[in-house]
Amino acid sequence: MSRVLDRLAELGIELPQVAAPVAAYAPAVRTGDYVHTSGQLPFVGGELPVRGKVGTGPGQVSPETARDLARTCALNAVAAVASLVGDLDRVVRVVKVVGFVSSDPAFTGQPGVVNGASTLLHEVFGEAGVHARSAVGVAVLPLDSPVEVEIVVELAPEA
């Protein structure tokens, strides 16, 4: 077994199947020693568990729930990387994370929501999971998803 898969098992996390694209794009592409994922939604078993805007008002997705959904997005991004390169032990660095939060206009806690993704990547990849990041509030996301996350990882050169 690989170091990364062992770590996922220790965390009680199973790597999901790659989420099917919802439009005309690839879940991930490789250029040189880098893999860029498309924005990943928090699909679980092919379904979005929650929809709507993130905020603190009635009927809104709570920041805590959105943070958990961002974690799921990051896990889906890791699955997209794995589907392209196979061995996740080839990831030497998570370079960049961009998180989008479908936000109520009054909500300004996007960094806390995207921490769900950042924390997962650090737990899985250790120090190699520490990355640069943007956390952006947006008006709406595909399928009314509360969050979307994309990542860029650097790979060790092939032997």
Protein backbone atom coordinates (compact mmCIF):
# COMPACT_ATOMS: atom_id res chain seq x y z
CA MET A 1 0.00 0.00 0.00
CA SER A 2 1.12 3.58 -0.48
CA ARG A 3 1.96 6.14 2.19
CA VAL A 4 -0.97 8.36 1.19
CA LEU A 5 -3.47 5.50 1.02
CA ASP A 6 -2.22 4.31 4.43
CA ARG A 7 -2.80 7.80 5.80
CA LEU A 8 -6.31 7.92 4.34
CA ALA A 9 -7.04 4.55 5.99
CA GLU A 10 -5.71 5.86 9.34
CA LEU A 11 -8.09 8.80 9.01
CA GLY A 12 -10.98 6.44 8.22
CA ILE A 13 -11.38 7.97 4.77
CA GLU A 14 -12.06 6.00 1.61
CA LEU A 15 -10.99 7.62 -1.66
CA PRO A 16 -14.20 8.11 -3.67
CA GLN A 17 -14.75 7.45 -7.34
CA VAL A 18 -14.06 10.47 -9.49
CA ALA A 19 -17.16 12.61 -9.82
CA ALA A 20 -18.51 12.68 -13.36
CA PRO A 21 -18.12 16.11 -15.00
CA VAL A 22 -21.33 18.14 -15.15
CA ALA A 23 -20.26 19.78 -18.45
CA ALA A 24 -17.58 19.52 -21.17
CA TYR A 25 -14.30 19.27 -19.24
CA ALA A 26 -11.89 16.75 -17.71
CA PRO A 27 -11.80 16.25 -13.92
CA ALA A 28 -8.02 16.83 -14.00
CA VAL A 29 -5.26 17.50 -16.50
CA ARG A 30 -1.52 17.08 -16.26
CA THR A 31 1.04 19.44 -17.69
CA GLY A 32 4.66 18.55 -16.99
CA ASP A 33 5.03 17.79 -13.30
CA TYR A 34 1.76 19.49 -12.32
CA VAL A 35 -1.83 18.32 -12.12
CA HIS A 36 -4.63 20.88 -12.15
CA THR A 37 -8.07 19.70 -11.11
CA SER A 38 -11.30 21.17 -12.34
CA GLY A 39 -13.52 22.63 -9.67
CA GLN A 40 -14.83 19.77 -7.58
CA LEU A 41 -18.27 19.87 -5.99
CA PRO A 42 -19.04 18.02 -2.75
CA PHE A 43 -20.60 15.01 -4.46
CA VAL A 44 -21.16 11.97 -2.28
CA GLY A 45 -22.27 8.91 -4.23
CA GLY A 46 -23.01 11.10 -7.24
CA GLU A 47 -25.33 13.45 -5.32
CA LEU A 48 -24.98 16.83 -3.66
CA PRO A 49 -25.92 16.30 -0.01
CA VAL A 50 -26.80 19.99 0.49
CA ARG A 51 -27.66 22.90 -1.80
CA GLY A 52 -27.93 26.62 -1.26
CA LYS A 53 -26.13 29.72 -0.06
CA VAL A 54 -23.77 29.79 2.88
CA GLY A 55 -24.67 32.16 5.67
CA THR A 56 -26.07 32.41 9.17
CA GLY A 57 -29.70 33.14 8.36
CA PRO A 58 -32.72 30.84 8.27
CA GLY A 59 -32.68 28.32 5.43
CA GLN A 60 -29.00 28.93 4.66
CA VAL A 61 -26.20 26.39 4.74
CA SER A 62 -24.30 26.89 7.99
CA PRO A 63 -20.59 27.74 7.84
CA GLU A 64 -19.83 24.51 9.73
CA THR A 65 -21.74 22.39 7.21
CA ALA A 66 -20.07 24.27 4.35
CA ARG A 67 -16.63 23.59 5.91
CA ASP A 68 -17.43 19.86 5.91
CA LEU A 69 -18.58 20.13 2.29
CA ALA A 70 -15.30 21.86 1.35
CA ARG A 71 -13.50 18.90 2.92
CA THR A 72 -15.51 16.60 0.65
CA CYS A 73 -14.63 18.76 -2.36
CA ALA A 74 -10.93 18.43 -1.54
CA LEU A 75 -11.25 14.66 -1.20
CA ASN A 76 -12.95 14.57 -4.61
CA ALA A 77 -10.04 16.63 -5.99
CA VAL A 78 -7.55 14.13 -4.57
CA ALA A 79 -9.54 11.34 -6.26
CA ALA A 80 -9.32 13.27 -9.56
CA VAL A 81 -5.53 13.50 -9.16
CA ALA A 82 -5.31 9.78 -8.34
CA SER A 83 -7.38 8.87 -11.41
CA LEU A 84 -4.84 10.65 -13.60
CA VAL A 85 -1.51 9.69 -11.99
CA GLY A 86 -2.32 6.48 -10.13
CA ASP A 87 0.13 6.60 -7.22
CA LEU A 88 -0.67 9.48 -4.86
CA ASP A 89 2.77 9.06 -3.31
CA ARG A 90 4.04 10.92 -6.40
CA VAL A 91 2.48 14.12 -5.04
CA VAL A 92 5.37 16.11 -3.57
CA ARG A 93 3.41 19.29 -2.91
CA VAL A 94 -0.08 20.68 -2.94
CA VAL A 95 0.76 23.99 -4.58
CA LYS A 96 -2.53 25.90 -4.68
CA VAL A 97 -6.11 25.59 -3.52
CA VAL A 98 -8.93 27.78 -4.77
CA GLY A 99 -12.21 27.56 -2.89
CA PHE A 100 -15.46 29.13 -4.02
CA VAL A 101 -18.25 29.68 -1.52
CA SER A 102 -21.79 30.45 -2.71
CA SER A 103 -22.38 33.17 -0.16
CA ASP A 104 -25.22 35.21 1.20
CA PRO A 105 -24.21 38.86 0.55
CA ALA A 106 -23.70 39.43 4.30
CA PHE A 107 -21.46 36.36 4.78
CA THR A 108 -17.73 37.06 5.03
CA GLY A 109 -16.45 33.79 6.50
CA GLN A 110 -15.21 32.22 3.26
CA PRO A 111 -11.70 31.54 4.67
CA GLY A 112 -13.16 29.47 7.51
CA VAL A 113 -15.27 27.45 5.07
CA VAL A 114 -12.33 26.71 2.76
CA ASN A 115 -10.30 25.63 5.82
CA GLY A 116 -12.22 22.35 5.49
CA ALA A 117 -10.34 21.67 2.24
CA SER A 118 -7.00 22.93 3.55
CA THR A 119 -7.19 20.85 6.70
CA LEU A 120 -7.96 17.67 4.78
CA LEU A 121 -5.02 18.19 2.42
CA HIS A 122 -2.66 18.78 5.33
CA GLU A 123 -3.96 15.69 7.14
CA VAL A 124 -3.53 13.52 4.04
CA PHE A 125 -0.24 14.84 2.65
CA GLY A 126 1.42 16.18 5.81
CA GLU A 127 3.77 19.13 5.24
CA ALA A 128 3.45 18.56 1.47
CA GLY A 129 -0.21 19.49 1.89
CA VAL A 130 0.53 23.05 3.06
CA HIS A 131 -0.37 25.32 0.14
CA ALA A 132 -1.14 28.78 -1.17
CA ARG A 133 -4.87 29.49 -1.26
CA SER A 134 -7.71 31.73 -2.30
CA ALA A 135 -11.17 31.69 -0.70
CA VAL A 136 -13.71 33.50 -2.83
CA GLY A 137 -17.34 34.35 -2.19
CA VAL A 138 -19.55 34.02 -5.28
CA ALA A 139 -23.22 34.59 -6.09
CA VAL A 140 -23.97 31.04 -7.24
CA LEU A 141 -22.19 27.78 -8.11
CA PRO A 142 -23.14 24.93 -10.47
CA LEU A 143 -26.16 22.89 -9.38
CA ASP A 144 -26.65 25.35 -6.48
CA SER A 145 -23.68 23.79 -4.66
CA PRO A 146 -22.62 25.70 -1.55
CA VAL A 147 -18.89 25.17 -2.27
CA GLU A 148 -16.45 24.22 -5.02
CA VAL A 149 -12.71 23.51 -4.69
CA GLU A 150 -9.91 23.11 -7.20
CA ILE A 151 -6.30 22.17 -6.49
CA VAL A 152 -2.92 22.16 -8.19
CA VAL A 153 -0.36 19.55 -7.16
CA GLU A 154 3.26 19.00 -8.08
CA LEU A 155 4.42 15.48 -8.89
CA ALA A 156 7.80 13.87 -8.42
CA PRO A 157 9.37 13.26 -11.83
CA GLU A 158 8.81 9.77 -13.18
CA ALA A 159 11.74 7.44 -12.66
